[in-house]
Amino acid sequence: MASSWRKISYRVIQEVITEFLGEHQLTPPVLLTPEQLKTLKRRISKAYPFVDRKYHPYKVWLSEVKANLQALQGLPITAQGHRQIKGKRLPIHVSPGQLSLFDPNSPYFTKSNDED
């Protein structure tokens, strides 16, 4: 179950994004210019709904900002920017070649001294 901090954060961020996309006549997924991204981040920051920017509510806010901006641009949502849907997390993106470090057939894999 998503926390109330996360629900509030998600709702506020979505309102700001929807308003921004309407003004610029964009539809997701969209690749924003650096200027557009900076403007959008500034608007999202100004819409912060909680009192202080610290502790758990702020961490939840930051993770929702990251997840929503990644989803808006069609990027995979990373582990730190996850979002739960009906109690299930979305798949975590794994970089290509990351798991090859543990593959015995990989040129990067070396036997430890214990295995000799």
Protein backbone atom coordinates (compact mmCIF):
# COMPACT_ATOMS: atom_id res chain seq x y z
CA MET A 1 0.00 0.00 0.00
CA ALA A 2 1.39 3.37 -0.98
CA SER A 3 1.91 5.84 1.84
CA SER A 4 -0.18 8.98 2.07
CA TRP A 5 3.03 11.00 1.52
CA ARG A 6 3.54 9.18 -1.78
CA LYS A 7 -0.09 9.59 -2.86
CA ILE A 8 -0.07 13.32 -2.14
CA SER A 9 3.31 13.76 -3.84
CA TYR A 10 2.19 11.84 -6.92
CA ARG A 11 -1.04 13.85 -7.24
CA VAL A 12 0.69 17.24 -6.91
CA ILE A 13 3.49 16.32 -9.34
CA GLN A 14 1.00 15.00 -11.90
CA GLU A 15 -1.01 18.22 -11.69
CA VAL A 16 2.11 20.31 -12.38
CA ILE A 17 3.22 18.03 -15.24
CA THR A 18 -0.25 18.05 -16.83
CA GLU A 19 -0.40 21.84 -16.66
CA PHE A 20 3.12 22.13 -18.12
CA LEU A 21 2.38 19.73 -20.99
CA GLY A 22 -0.84 21.59 -21.78
CA GLU A 23 0.96 24.93 -21.98
CA HIS A 24 3.61 23.52 -24.32
CA GLN A 25 1.19 21.28 -26.28
CA LEU A 26 3.24 18.12 -25.59
CA THR A 27 2.16 14.53 -25.07
CA PRO A 28 4.14 11.91 -23.11
CA PRO A 29 6.55 10.29 -23.62
CA VAL A 30 8.42 13.41 -24.62
CA LEU A 31 12.07 14.35 -24.75
CA LEU A 32 12.28 17.74 -23.06
CA THR A 33 14.88 20.33 -23.93
CA PRO A 34 17.25 21.27 -21.08
CA GLU A 35 15.40 24.59 -20.69
CA GLN A 36 12.00 22.88 -20.53
CA LEU A 37 13.27 20.34 -18.02
CA LYS A 38 14.73 23.09 -15.83
CA THR A 39 11.45 25.02 -15.95
CA LEU A 40 9.42 21.92 -15.13
CA LYS A 41 11.68 20.97 -12.21
CA ARG A 42 11.41 24.51 -10.85
CA ARG A 43 7.60 24.40 -11.02
CA ILE A 44 7.53 21.01 -9.34
CA SER A 45 9.82 22.30 -6.60
CA LYS A 46 7.57 25.32 -5.99
CA ALA A 47 4.55 23.01 -5.66
CA TYR A 48 6.07 21.09 -2.69
CA PRO A 49 3.00 20.37 -0.53
CA PHE A 50 4.56 19.63 2.85
CA VAL A 51 5.93 22.00 5.51
CA ASP A 52 9.64 21.17 5.79
CA ARG A 53 12.00 19.81 3.16
CA LYS A 54 13.47 17.14 5.41
CA TYR A 55 12.93 13.68 6.84
CA HIS A 56 10.74 11.00 5.30
CA PRO A 57 8.18 13.19 3.47
CA TYR A 58 10.93 14.97 1.55
CA LYS A 59 12.63 11.69 0.59
CA VAL A 60 9.32 10.37 -0.69
CA TRP A 61 8.77 13.61 -2.62
CA LEU A 62 12.20 13.35 -4.26
CA SER A 63 11.66 9.72 -5.26
CA GLU A 64 8.28 10.60 -6.80
CA VAL A 65 9.78 13.56 -8.68
CA LYS A 66 12.45 11.28 -10.12
CA ALA A 67 9.99 8.51 -11.02
CA ASN A 68 7.52 10.90 -12.65
CA LEU A 69 10.18 12.71 -14.69
CA GLN A 70 11.61 9.39 -15.87
CA ALA A 71 8.15 8.09 -16.81
CA LEU A 72 7.33 11.36 -18.60
CA GLN A 73 10.38 11.01 -20.80
CA GLY A 74 9.82 7.29 -21.42
CA LEU A 75 12.86 6.23 -19.39
CA PRO A 76 12.90 3.12 -17.22
CA ILE A 77 12.21 3.75 -13.55
CA THR A 78 15.29 2.96 -11.47
CA ALA A 79 15.40 1.27 -8.08
CA GLN A 80 15.58 4.57 -6.19
CA GLY A 81 12.74 6.03 -8.23
CA HIS A 82 10.35 3.10 -8.01
CA ARG A 83 6.61 3.34 -7.90
CA GLN A 84 4.32 0.68 -6.50
CA ILE A 85 1.19 -0.21 -8.41
CA LYS A 86 -1.32 -2.42 -6.61
CA GLY A 87 1.36 -3.58 -4.18
CA LYS A 88 3.83 -4.56 -6.93
CA ARG A 89 6.96 -2.70 -7.90
CA LEU A 90 7.64 -2.00 -11.55
CA PRO A 91 10.56 -3.95 -13.02
CA ILE A 92 13.96 -2.52 -12.19
CA HIS A 93 16.15 -1.64 -15.14
CA VAL A 94 19.41 -3.62 -15.27
CA SER A 95 22.26 -2.16 -17.32
CA PRO A 96 23.48 -4.38 -20.15
CA GLY A 97 26.52 -6.37 -19.11
CA GLN A 98 26.00 -5.76 -15.41
CA LEU A 99 25.23 -9.39 -14.62
CA SER A 100 28.07 -10.67 -16.80
CA LEU A 101 30.40 -9.95 -13.87
CA PHE A 102 29.03 -13.09 -12.22
CA ASP A 103 29.05 -15.27 -15.34
CA PRO A 104 31.88 -17.86 -15.22
CA ASN A 105 32.23 -17.62 -19.01
CA SER A 106 32.76 -13.83 -18.87
CA PRO A 107 36.28 -12.49 -19.39
CA TYR A 108 35.79 -10.39 -16.25
CA PHE A 109 35.09 -13.38 -14.01
CA THR A 110 38.05 -14.64 -11.99
CA LYS A 111 38.21 -17.58 -9.62
CA SER A 112 38.84 -16.79 -6.00
CA ASN A 113 41.71 -18.46 -4.12
CA ASP A 114 39.20 -20.53 -2.14
CA GLU A 115 38.08 -22.45 -5.24
CA ASP A 116 41.53 -23.88 -6.11
